[in-house]
Amino acid sequence: MEGLENFSRTTNLSQRGVSYAVVAIMGPQSGGKSTLLNKLFQTHFRMMDADDGRTQTTQGIWIAKAIGIEPFTIAIDVEGSDSRERGQDGATFEKQSALFALAIADIVMINMWCHDIGREHAANRPLLKAVFEAMIRLFRARKTTLLFVIRDQTKTPFERLELSLRGDIEKIWAEIPKPDAYKWTPLGDFFKVEITALPNYEYQKDEFKAKVDRLRQRFFHSISPGGLAGDRRDVQPASGFSLRVEQIWKTIKENKDLDLPAMEVMVATVRCDQIARETLSRLNSDKTWLAMGEDLKSRPVSEFREKLGSILENYLCQ
């Protein structure tokens, strides 16, 4: 909170009323998210040094003011998903940070590799599914703009890529369980979907720069009618931005559905449940147990406590 309040004070954000926009980016680790933000908004987010290997660069969630863009635009750099450093224990933070981005931002850029379109995990489908589901349970529809940025576009025509990606997004939305109030709500009531593609940053530098420059222009007047975030709803005054961020993060942290254990824990839990069911089944067919049950229907059983204790101890210790 101290950092947020300091950011609001030093940038005069609190004086902006509702004339400001929030842009966040999410996607897999080492996918060029920070680099793209820096090129678009002239920010200084830490970028990966390829000479040091492909390791986690952004940790946590960072914010900065976009330079030279009106309206006042807040850029949020979210830690990459599927990182080796966090491992399987990172699933909870991935979901929390992705949900945070969707709940707080007017525009969420989803950075993805071109060759991952049509894949399950590489294209972050499970993550999007979990986040979409939590979004409609925890927050009102804000008409957030989802801007999918396809990196390293191949020879496949953009129209084909766009058609495939839109189909995947609609399918994810259709598959998630929804509260009764949103049972038949179309994706378009919650999200506006935009898709763009960029050439390779390293091998097509001039083409990449030209495309990014054109994309940057779309963030000017983004909250005006027809702009990238022109359909947004439920806009809160900038003076309450810090408090709103705190409340949203608190809501997300308290949502236990996102607090999934690591894969080893889930496997162990399933196996323990399986062992318990198998042991109970053996108990229910135990001859001594069944005979004692029959005897109890007609008369008291001598040494009942000891016999019962012996049987239960035998199965519970398994």
Foldseek 3Di string as FASTA:
>chain_A
DVVVVVQCVVVVLLVCFLFEFEEEEEEAAPLCPVVLCCLLQVDCQDHDDPVVPRAWRDDAKDWDWRPPAPPTYIYIYGTYPPHPVCPLQCQLVLLLRVLLNLVQGLEYEYEAELVCQPPCPRSPLVSVLLSVLVDQVQHDQFAREYEYEYEADDPPDPVVSVVSNVVSVQVSVQPHDHPPVCNPPGPRSRYHYHYDYAHHCPPPVVRRSVVSVVVSVLRHVQCPCVGSSVRTDDRGTSSCSVVVSVVSSVSSVPPCVSNDGGPVVVVVVVVVVVLLVVLVVCLVVDPLNVVCVVVVVPDDDPPVVVSVVVSCVVSVVD
